[in-house]
Amino acid sequence: MNTEKTYSISFIGLKNGEHTFEYQINSDFFKNYNYDDFNSIEANISVLLNKKATHLEVNFKAEGVANVPCDVTNEDFNLPIEHEFNLIVKFGEEFNDDHDEVLVIPMNEYEINLSQYIYELIVLSIPVKRVSPEAAEDEDFDEEEFDFLFEDEDEDNEMEDSQEDDTESDSDKEDIDPRWEKLKKLLTDK
């Protein structure tokens, strides 16, 4: 699949204002990226390009279904995906994509390739923790038991600060796995 042409929009001939482009994405699209974190995918990508006199505003919307294995049961299930992303395209001396939401392209460019942004849009719409609805309803599954794997470092630091303020009894300390204590110590030794 030639993503350079398939997902490129030539903006030079477009009038100022809004223009809509639609793309159908499936697993073949991800072969170019060697990404296989799901079994299959079907997604509709809607791109709204608003051409202004000095820049372009691009809004991406993804809706679809990815077939993924459940992290709890390891059984495949269809995970609905939905995500939105805004991009500002400015014109400058040279190409610069250092910022997530701003792209600078050379003044002499006449088209923009969206394939990388479509790829990122879909990949970011698939959660790190994938739990099928059946597993989530299972009373044996306690979601809070796995939440520590997905918390931010900031939340961890807040929790540590509050725990330091609390006094623990000897019996509470005995219940804590020594491996967790070592991990907590690594976080506080920064």
C-alpha atoms as a PDB file:
ATOM      1  CA  MET A   1       0.000   0.000   0.000  1.00  0.00           C
ATOM      2  CA  ASN A   2       1.446   3.360  -1.001  1.00  0.00           C
ATOM      3  CA  THR A   3       0.658   5.502   2.019  1.00  0.00           C
ATOM      4  CA  GLU A   4       2.482   8.486   0.531  1.00  0.00           C
ATOM      5  CA  LYS A   5      -0.217   9.019  -2.111  1.00  0.00           C
ATOM      6  CA  THR A   6      -3.232   7.335  -0.496  1.00  0.00           C
ATOM      7  CA  TYR A   7      -3.150   9.508   2.627  1.00  0.00           C
ATOM      8  CA  SER A   8      -1.760  12.727   1.150  1.00  0.00           C
ATOM      9  CA  ILE A   9      -3.908  15.812   0.742  1.00  0.00           C
ATOM     10  CA  SER A  10      -2.923  18.378  -1.832  1.00  0.00           C
ATOM     11  CA  PHE A  11      -3.994  21.638  -0.202  1.00  0.00           C
ATOM     12  CA  ILE A  12      -2.541  24.008  -2.785  1.00  0.00           C
ATOM     13  CA  GLY A  13      -5.626  23.826  -5.039  1.00  0.00           C
ATOM     14  CA  LEU A  14      -8.173  23.999  -2.235  1.00  0.00           C
ATOM     15  CA  LYS A  15     -10.137  27.138  -1.515  1.00  0.00           C
ATOM     16  CA  ASN A  16      -9.995  28.659   1.950  1.00  0.00           C
ATOM     17  CA  GLY A  17     -12.541  27.003   4.236  1.00  0.00           C
ATOM     18  CA  GLU A  18     -13.466  23.523   5.411  1.00  0.00           C
ATOM     19  CA  HIS A  19     -12.871  20.328   3.404  1.00  0.00           C
ATOM     20  CA  THR A  20     -13.725  16.791   4.552  1.00  0.00           C
ATOM     21  CA  PHE A  21     -11.812  13.614   3.693  1.00  0.00           C
ATOM     22  CA  GLU A  22     -12.798  10.067   4.682  1.00  0.00           C
ATOM     23  CA  TYR A  23     -10.535   7.019   5.011  1.00  0.00           C
ATOM     24  CA  GLN A  24     -11.275   3.362   5.756  1.00  0.00           C
ATOM     25  CA  ILE A  25      -8.479   1.756   7.774  1.00  0.00           C
ATOM     26  CA  ASN A  26      -7.939  -1.958   8.310  1.00  0.00           C
ATOM     27  CA  SER A  27      -5.099  -4.224   9.429  1.00  0.00           C
ATOM     28  CA  ASP A  28      -3.267  -3.840   6.101  1.00  0.00           C
ATOM     29  CA  PHE A  29      -2.549  -0.194   6.934  1.00  0.00           C
ATOM     30  CA  PHE A  30      -0.524  -1.246  10.004  1.00  0.00           C
ATOM     31  CA  LYS A  31       1.741  -3.623   8.058  1.00  0.00           C
ATOM     32  CA  ASN A  32       3.727  -0.559   6.954  1.00  0.00           C
ATOM     33  CA  TYR A  33       4.435   0.181  10.616  1.00  0.00           C
ATOM     34  CA  ASN A  34       5.080  -3.398  11.785  1.00  0.00           C
ATOM     35  CA  TYR A  35       2.400  -2.843  14.409  1.00  0.00           C
ATOM     36  CA  ASP A  36       0.499  -5.955  15.448  1.00  0.00           C
ATOM     37  CA  ASP A  37      -0.850  -5.139  18.895  1.00  0.00           C
ATOM     38  CA  PHE A  38      -4.315  -6.276  17.840  1.00  0.00           C
ATOM     39  CA  ASN A  39      -5.746  -9.158  15.803  1.00  0.00           C
ATOM     40  CA  SER A  40      -7.686  -7.009  13.359  1.00  0.00           C
ATOM     41  CA  ILE A  41      -9.128  -3.542  13.042  1.00  0.00           C
ATOM     42  CA  GLU A  42     -11.791  -1.713  11.070  1.00  0.00           C
ATOM     43  CA  ALA A  43     -11.881   2.041  11.535  1.00  0.00           C
ATOM     44  CA  ASN A  44     -13.376   5.068   9.829  1.00  0.00           C
ATOM     45  CA  ILE A  45     -11.185   8.146   9.840  1.00  0.00           C
ATOM     46  CA  SER A  46     -12.789  11.500   9.207  1.00  0.00           C
ATOM     47  CA  VAL A  47     -10.441  14.398   8.472  1.00  0.00           C
ATOM     48  CA  LEU A  48     -11.730  17.952   8.516  1.00  0.00           C
ATOM     49  CA  LEU A  49      -9.194  20.322   6.972  1.00  0.00           C
ATOM     50  CA  ASN A  50      -9.855  24.018   7.485  1.00  0.00           C
ATOM     51  CA  LYS A  51      -7.651  25.981   5.114  1.00  0.00           C
ATOM     52  CA  LYS A  52      -6.816  29.475   6.330  1.00  0.00           C
ATOM     53  CA  ALA A  53      -4.712  32.170   4.648  1.00  0.00           C
ATOM     54  CA  THR A  54      -1.664  31.506   6.849  1.00  0.00           C
ATOM     55  CA  HIS A  55      -2.069  27.953   8.144  1.00  0.00           C
ATOM     56  CA  LEU A  56      -4.135  24.754   8.081  1.00  0.00           C
ATOM     57  CA  GLU A  57      -6.264  23.375  10.907  1.00  0.00           C
ATOM     58  CA  VAL A  58      -6.744  19.611  10.725  1.00  0.00           C
ATOM     59  CA  ASN A  59      -9.169  17.662  12.910  1.00  0.00           C
ATOM     60  CA  PHE A  60      -8.929  13.852  12.909  1.00  0.00           C
ATOM     61  CA  LYS A  61     -11.698  11.587  14.226  1.00  0.00           C
ATOM     62  CA  ALA A  62     -11.439   7.814  14.459  1.00  0.00           C
ATOM     63  CA  GLU A  63     -14.301   5.421  15.125  1.00  0.00           C
ATOM     64  CA  GLY A  64     -14.174   1.689  14.763  1.00  0.00           C
ATOM     65  CA  VAL A  65     -13.531  -1.689  16.318  1.00  0.00           C
ATOM     66  CA  ALA A  66     -10.267  -3.444  17.133  1.00  0.00           C
ATOM     67  CA  ASN A  67     -10.189  -7.136  17.921  1.00  0.00           C
ATOM     68  CA  VAL A  68      -7.790  -7.577  20.852  1.00  0.00           C
ATOM     69  CA  PRO A  69      -7.022 -10.177  23.517  1.00  0.00           C
ATOM     70  CA  CYS A  70      -8.436  -9.500  26.972  1.00  0.00           C
ATOM     71  CA  ASP A  71      -5.733  -8.867  29.583  1.00  0.00           C
ATOM     72  CA  VAL A  72      -7.691 -10.838  32.168  1.00  0.00           C
ATOM     73  CA  THR A  73      -9.056 -13.852  30.278  1.00  0.00           C
ATOM     74  CA  ASN A  74      -6.738 -13.787  27.223  1.00  0.00           C
ATOM     75  CA  GLU A  75      -9.820 -14.319  25.036  1.00  0.00           C
ATOM     76  CA  ASP A  76     -10.272 -12.142  21.958  1.00  0.00           C
ATOM     77  CA  PHE A  77     -13.016  -9.517  21.979  1.00  0.00           C
ATOM     78  CA  ASN A  78     -14.085  -6.526  19.894  1.00  0.00           C
ATOM     79  CA  LEU A  79     -12.989  -3.285  21.527  1.00  0.00           C
ATOM     80  CA  PRO A  80     -14.778  -0.131  20.349  1.00  0.00           C
ATOM     81  CA  ILE A  81     -12.323   2.645  19.584  1.00  0.00           C
ATOM     82  CA  GLU A  82     -12.976   6.347  19.355  1.00  0.00           C
ATOM     83  CA  HIS A  83     -10.452   9.156  19.390  1.00  0.00           C
ATOM     84  CA  GLU A  84     -10.028  12.724  18.191  1.00  0.00           C
ATOM     85  CA  PHE A  85      -6.924  14.783  17.491  1.00  0.00           C
ATOM     86  CA  ASN A  86      -6.292  18.355  16.321  1.00  0.00           C
ATOM     87  CA  LEU A  87      -3.253  19.445  14.326  1.00  0.00           C
ATOM     88  CA  ILE A  88      -2.144  22.919  13.264  1.00  0.00           C
ATOM     89  CA  VAL A  89      -0.009  23.039  10.112  1.00  0.00           C
ATOM     90  CA  LYS A  90       2.137  26.138   9.785  1.00  0.00           C
ATOM     91  CA  PHE A  91       4.509  27.185   7.027  1.00  0.00           C
ATOM     92  CA  GLY A  92       8.158  27.946   7.764  1.00  0.00           C
ATOM     93  CA  GLU A  93      11.732  27.629   6.563  1.00  0.00           C
ATOM     94  CA  GLU A  94      12.094  23.898   7.210  1.00  0.00           C
ATOM     95  CA  PHE A  95      10.144  20.827   8.301  1.00  0.00           C
ATOM     96  CA  ASN A  96       9.605  20.540  12.064  1.00  0.00           C
ATOM     97  CA  ASP A  97       7.388  18.038  13.860  1.00  0.00           C
ATOM     98  CA  ASP A  98       8.872  18.428  17.359  1.00  0.00           C
ATOM     99  CA  HIS A  99       5.500  19.429  18.850  1.00  0.00           C
ATOM    100  CA  ASP A 100       2.621  16.966  19.063  1.00  0.00           C
ATOM    101  CA  GLU A 101      -0.080  19.348  17.871  1.00  0.00           C
ATOM    102  CA  VAL A 102       1.884  21.687  15.579  1.00  0.00           C
ATOM    103  CA  LEU A 103       3.560  20.734  12.327  1.00  0.00           C
ATOM    104  CA  VAL A 104       5.769  23.160  10.425  1.00  0.00           C
ATOM    105  CA  ILE A 105       6.279  22.427   6.733  1.00  0.00           C
ATOM    106  CA  PRO A 106       8.430  24.308   4.193  1.00  0.00           C
ATOM    107  CA  MET A 107       6.788  27.190   2.338  1.00  0.00           C
ATOM    108  CA  ASN A 108       7.129  25.389  -1.017  1.00  0.00           C
ATOM    109  CA  GLU A 109       5.153  22.289   0.083  1.00  0.00           C
ATOM    110  CA  TYR A 110       1.839  21.696  -1.645  1.00  0.00           C
ATOM    111  CA  GLU A 111       0.561  18.591   0.159  1.00  0.00           C
ATOM    112  CA  ILE A 112       0.551  16.976   3.570  1.00  0.00           C
ATOM    113  CA  ASN A 113       0.822  13.254   4.261  1.00  0.00           C
ATOM    114  CA  LEU A 114      -1.560  12.162   7.025  1.00  0.00           C
ATOM    115  CA  SER A 115      -0.563   8.500   7.370  1.00  0.00           C
ATOM    116  CA  GLN A 116       1.636   8.976  10.467  1.00  0.00           C
ATOM    117  CA  TYR A 117      -1.092  11.000  12.186  1.00  0.00           C
ATOM    118  CA  ILE A 118      -3.745   8.400  11.333  1.00  0.00           C
ATOM    119  CA  TYR A 119      -1.459   5.681  12.704  1.00  0.00           C
ATOM    120  CA  GLU A 120      -0.916   7.589  15.974  1.00  0.00           C
ATOM    121  CA  LEU A 121      -4.611   8.460  16.245  1.00  0.00           C
ATOM    122  CA  ILE A 122      -5.631   4.802  16.136  1.00  0.00           C
ATOM    123  CA  VAL A 123      -2.806   3.478  18.302  1.00  0.00           C
ATOM    124  CA  LEU A 124      -3.577   6.057  20.991  1.00  0.00           C
ATOM    125  CA  SER A 125      -7.263   5.147  20.910  1.00  0.00           C
ATOM    126  CA  ILE A 126      -6.505   1.589  22.036  1.00  0.00           C
ATOM    127  CA  PRO A 127      -6.154   1.522  25.824  1.00  0.00           C
ATOM    128  CA  VAL A 128      -3.152  -0.038  27.532  1.00  0.00           C
ATOM    129  CA  LYS A 129      -5.437  -2.084  29.771  1.00  0.00           C
ATOM    130  CA  ARG A 130      -7.868  -4.134  27.693  1.00  0.00           C
ATOM    131  CA  VAL A 131     -10.609  -5.852  29.632  1.00  0.00           C
ATOM    132  CA  SER A 132     -13.537  -7.483  27.879  1.00  0.00           C
ATOM    133  CA  PRO A 133     -17.031  -6.559  29.107  1.00  0.00           C
ATOM    134  CA  GLU A 134     -17.518 -10.155  30.287  1.00  0.00           C
ATOM    135  CA  ALA A 135     -14.352 -10.064  32.398  1.00  0.00           C
ATOM    136  CA  ALA A 136     -15.267  -6.668  33.817  1.00  0.00           C
ATOM    137  CA  GLU A 137     -18.626  -8.055  34.957  1.00  0.00           C
ATOM    138  CA  ASP A 138     -17.028 -11.101  36.530  1.00  0.00           C
ATOM    139  CA  GLU A 139     -17.161 -10.643  40.274  1.00  0.00           C
ATOM    140  CA  ASP A 140     -13.785 -12.381  40.636  1.00  0.00           C
ATOM    141  CA  PHE A 141     -12.126  -9.565  38.698  1.00  0.00           C
ATOM    142  CA  ASP A 142     -11.170  -6.628  40.876  1.00  0.00           C
ATOM    143  CA  GLU A 143     -10.100  -3.769  38.611  1.00  0.00           C
ATOM    144  CA  GLU A 144      -8.474  -1.903  41.481  1.00  0.00           C
ATOM    145  CA  GLU A 145      -6.114  -4.837  41.906  1.00  0.00           C
ATOM    146  CA  PHE A 146      -4.517  -3.980  38.532  1.00  0.00           C
ATOM    147  CA  ASP A 147      -4.754  -0.177  38.643  1.00  0.00           C
ATOM    148  CA  PHE A 148      -1.317   0.248  40.168  1.00  0.00           C
ATOM    149  CA  LEU A 149       0.167  -0.924  36.860  1.00  0.00           C
ATOM    150  CA  PHE A 150      -1.315   1.999  34.982  1.00  0.00           C
ATOM    151  CA  GLU A 151      -1.069   4.931  37.391  1.00  0.00           C
ATOM    152  CA  ASP A 152       0.995   8.025  36.588  1.00  0.00           C
ATOM    153  CA  GLU A 153       4.179   8.708  38.414  1.00  0.00           C
ATOM    154  CA  ASP A 154       2.537  11.853  39.822  1.00  0.00           C
ATOM    155  CA  GLU A 155      -0.267   9.843  41.343  1.00  0.00           C
ATOM    156  CA  ASP A 156       2.316   7.450  42.790  1.00  0.00           C
ATOM    157  CA  ASN A 157       4.194  10.348  44.369  1.00  0.00           C
ATOM    158  CA  GLU A 158       0.997  11.801  45.840  1.00  0.00           C
ATOM    159  CA  MET A 159       0.120   8.417  47.289  1.00  0.00           C
ATOM    160  CA  GLU A 160       3.599   8.025  48.784  1.00  0.00           C
ATOM    161  CA  ASP A 161       3.422  11.479  50.371  1.00  0.00           C
ATOM    162  CA  SER A 162       0.097  10.692  51.996  1.00  0.00           C
ATOM    163  CA  GLN A 163       1.338   7.291  53.139  1.00  0.00           C
ATOM    164  CA  GLU A 164       4.386   8.847  54.786  1.00  0.00           C
ATOM    165  CA  ASP A 165       2.084  11.040  56.841  1.00  0.00           C
ATOM    166  CA  ASP A 166       0.056   8.071  58.036  1.00  0.00           C
ATOM    167  CA  THR A 167       1.472   5.864  60.737  1.00  0.00           C
ATOM    168  CA  GLU A 168       1.341   2.179  60.056  1.00  0.00           C
ATOM    169  CA  SER A 169       0.888  -0.529  62.620  1.00  0.00           C
ATOM    170  CA  ASP A 170       3.292  -3.470  62.755  1.00  0.00           C
ATOM    171  CA  SER A 171       0.643  -5.833  61.367  1.00  0.00           C
ATOM    172  CA  ASP A 172       0.136  -3.570  58.298  1.00  0.00           C
ATOM    173  CA  LYS A 173       3.863  -3.614  57.602  1.00  0.00           C
ATOM    174  CA  GLU A 174       3.959  -7.408  57.777  1.00  0.00           C
ATOM    175  CA  ASP A 175       1.263  -7.720  55.102  1.00  0.00           C
ATOM    176  CA  ILE A 176       3.270  -5.743  52.523  1.00  0.00           C
ATOM    177  CA  ASP A 177       5.277  -7.824  50.080  1.00  0.00           C
ATOM    178  CA  PRO A 178       8.979  -6.940  50.488  1.00  0.00           C
ATOM    179  CA  ARG A 179       9.328  -6.621  46.702  1.00  0.00           C
ATOM    180  CA  TRP A 180       6.817  -3.749  46.710  1.00  0.00           C
ATOM    181  CA  GLU A 181       8.767  -2.054  49.479  1.00  0.00           C
ATOM    182  CA  LYS A 182      11.922  -2.205  47.325  1.00  0.00           C
ATOM    183  CA  LEU A 183      10.041  -0.773  44.338  1.00  0.00           C
ATOM    184  CA  LYS A 184       8.638   2.045  46.478  1.00  0.00           C
ATOM    185  CA  LYS A 185      12.143   2.776  47.726  1.00  0.00           C
ATOM    186  CA  LEU A 186      13.377   3.081  44.126  1.00  0.00           C
ATOM    187  CA  LEU A 187      10.721   5.722  43.445  1.00  0.00           C
ATOM    188  CA  THR A 188      11.661   7.761  46.502  1.00  0.00           C
ATOM    189  CA  ASP A 189      15.436   7.567  45.821  1.00  0.00           C
ATOM    190  CA  LYS A 190      15.211   9.739  42.681  1.00  0.00           C
END
